[in-house]
Amino acid sequence: MFDQCNEVDRRVLAHARILQTLIRYLAEDKPEILVRLTSAFGISHNIGANEQDFVSAEQCAEQFIRAIEVQILELDQA
């Protein structure tokens, strides 16, 4: 079971990296795509009731989009 969790985690991280790269490429031609993604998923900082480590899907989406923005900024500075 532990090995399966690690494999799933690695697969999810790999998919996230692929999606971030694809969205970054799209954003090079259409910068408004990040605005549309942000408006679609909203900005949420709510923590679940009585859960310090709770991360909502909206917070994950926001972190995902922010990672793309950081990649774009790094490319612009290079």
C-alpha atoms as a PDB file:
ATOM      1  CA  MET A   1       0.000   0.000   0.000  1.00  0.00           C
ATOM      2  CA  PHE A   2       2.799   2.421   0.912  1.00  0.00           C
ATOM      3  CA  ASP A   3       4.499   1.852  -2.459  1.00  0.00           C
ATOM      4  CA  GLN A   4       1.205   2.415  -4.265  1.00  0.00           C
ATOM      5  CA  CYS A   5       0.746   5.763  -2.508  1.00  0.00           C
ATOM      6  CA  ASN A   6       4.230   6.841  -3.503  1.00  0.00           C
ATOM      7  CA  GLU A   7       3.578   5.841  -7.105  1.00  0.00           C
ATOM      8  CA  VAL A   8       0.283   7.735  -7.159  1.00  0.00           C
ATOM      9  CA  ASP A   9       1.973  10.784  -5.631  1.00  0.00           C
ATOM     10  CA  ARG A  10       4.706  10.674  -8.286  1.00  0.00           C
ATOM     11  CA  ARG A  11       2.139  10.334 -11.062  1.00  0.00           C
ATOM     12  CA  VAL A  12       0.075  13.251  -9.757  1.00  0.00           C
ATOM     13  CA  LEU A  13       3.193  15.430  -9.493  1.00  0.00           C
ATOM     14  CA  ALA A  14       4.240  14.459 -13.022  1.00  0.00           C
ATOM     15  CA  HIS A  15       0.802  15.349 -14.376  1.00  0.00           C
ATOM     16  CA  ALA A  16       0.859  18.669 -12.542  1.00  0.00           C
ATOM     17  CA  ARG A  17       4.250  19.541 -14.049  1.00  0.00           C
ATOM     18  CA  ILE A  18       3.053  18.624 -17.545  1.00  0.00           C
ATOM     19  CA  LEU A  19      -0.120  20.710 -17.171  1.00  0.00           C
ATOM     20  CA  GLN A  20       1.822  23.670 -15.794  1.00  0.00           C
ATOM     21  CA  THR A  21       4.186  23.552 -18.749  1.00  0.00           C
ATOM     22  CA  LEU A  22       1.348  23.300 -21.273  1.00  0.00           C
ATOM     23  CA  ILE A  23      -0.545  26.184 -19.679  1.00  0.00           C
ATOM     24  CA  ARG A  24       2.651  28.250 -19.556  1.00  0.00           C
ATOM     25  CA  TYR A  25       3.112  27.711 -23.309  1.00  0.00           C
ATOM     26  CA  LEU A  26      -0.495  28.741 -23.921  1.00  0.00           C
ATOM     27  CA  ALA A  27      -0.054  31.825 -21.728  1.00  0.00           C
ATOM     28  CA  GLU A  28       2.892  32.984 -23.833  1.00  0.00           C
ATOM     29  CA  ASP A  29       0.483  33.632 -26.723  1.00  0.00           C
ATOM     30  CA  LYS A  30      -2.617  34.357 -24.659  1.00  0.00           C
ATOM     31  CA  PRO A  31      -1.741  35.923 -21.282  1.00  0.00           C
ATOM     32  CA  GLU A  32      -5.442  36.287 -20.447  1.00  0.00           C
ATOM     33  CA  ILE A  33      -5.611  32.527 -19.904  1.00  0.00           C
ATOM     34  CA  LEU A  34      -4.187  32.962 -16.387  1.00  0.00           C
ATOM     35  CA  VAL A  35      -6.811  35.586 -15.593  1.00  0.00           C
ATOM     36  CA  ARG A  36      -9.525  33.242 -16.834  1.00  0.00           C
ATOM     37  CA  LEU A  37      -8.169  30.335 -14.789  1.00  0.00           C
ATOM     38  CA  THR A  38      -7.956  32.491 -11.672  1.00  0.00           C
ATOM     39  CA  SER A  39     -11.515  33.742 -12.130  1.00  0.00           C
ATOM     40  CA  ALA A  40     -12.786  30.208 -12.789  1.00  0.00           C
ATOM     41  CA  PHE A  41     -11.223  28.730  -9.675  1.00  0.00           C
ATOM     42  CA  GLY A  42     -11.366  31.826  -7.476  1.00  0.00           C
ATOM     43  CA  ILE A  43      -9.021  32.809  -4.725  1.00  0.00           C
ATOM     44  CA  SER A  44      -9.692  30.981  -1.494  1.00  0.00           C
ATOM     45  CA  HIS A  45      -7.861  31.122   1.803  1.00  0.00           C
ATOM     46  CA  ASN A  46     -10.432  29.331   3.913  1.00  0.00           C
ATOM     47  CA  ILE A  47      -9.142  26.563   6.124  1.00  0.00           C
ATOM     48  CA  GLY A  48     -11.496  23.675   6.846  1.00  0.00           C
ATOM     49  CA  ALA A  49     -13.194  23.564  10.188  1.00  0.00           C
ATOM     50  CA  ASN A  50     -10.806  22.367  12.886  1.00  0.00           C
ATOM     51  CA  GLU A  51      -8.170  21.289  10.375  1.00  0.00           C
ATOM     52  CA  GLN A  52      -4.808  23.062  10.384  1.00  0.00           C
ATOM     53  CA  ASP A  53      -3.447  21.149   7.406  1.00  0.00           C
ATOM     54  CA  PHE A  54      -6.646  21.241   5.347  1.00  0.00           C
ATOM     55  CA  VAL A  55      -6.113  22.319   1.745  1.00  0.00           C
ATOM     56  CA  SER A  56      -9.179  22.795  -0.425  1.00  0.00           C
ATOM     57  CA  ALA A  57      -9.333  22.062  -4.141  1.00  0.00           C
ATOM     58  CA  GLU A  58      -9.572  25.807  -4.736  1.00  0.00           C
ATOM     59  CA  GLN A  59      -6.361  26.395  -2.794  1.00  0.00           C
ATOM     60  CA  CYS A  60      -4.620  23.677  -4.814  1.00  0.00           C
ATOM     61  CA  ALA A  61      -5.827  25.298  -8.033  1.00  0.00           C
ATOM     62  CA  GLU A  62      -4.571  28.688  -6.859  1.00  0.00           C
ATOM     63  CA  GLN A  63      -1.155  27.230  -6.003  1.00  0.00           C
ATOM     64  CA  PHE A  64      -1.077  25.487  -9.380  1.00  0.00           C
ATOM     65  CA  ILE A  65      -1.800  28.730 -11.251  1.00  0.00           C
ATOM     66  CA  ARG A  66       0.703  30.651  -9.114  1.00  0.00           C
ATOM     67  CA  ALA A  67       3.410  28.105  -9.999  1.00  0.00           C
ATOM     68  CA  ILE A  68       2.724  28.788 -13.687  1.00  0.00           C
ATOM     69  CA  GLU A  69       2.964  32.546 -13.118  1.00  0.00           C
ATOM     70  CA  VAL A  70       6.311  32.072 -11.372  1.00  0.00           C
ATOM     71  CA  GLN A  71       7.612  30.010 -14.297  1.00  0.00           C
ATOM     72  CA  ILE A  72       6.564  32.718 -16.738  1.00  0.00           C
ATOM     73  CA  LEU A  73       8.277  35.412 -14.657  1.00  0.00           C
ATOM     74  CA  GLU A  74      11.456  33.337 -14.512  1.00  0.00           C
ATOM     75  CA  LEU A  75      11.432  32.945 -18.300  1.00  0.00           C
ATOM     76  CA  ASP A  76      10.925  36.689 -18.773  1.00  0.00           C
ATOM     77  CA  GLN A  77      13.916  37.428 -16.543  1.00  0.00           C
ATOM     78  CA  ALA A  78      16.184  34.944 -18.323  1.00  0.00           C
END
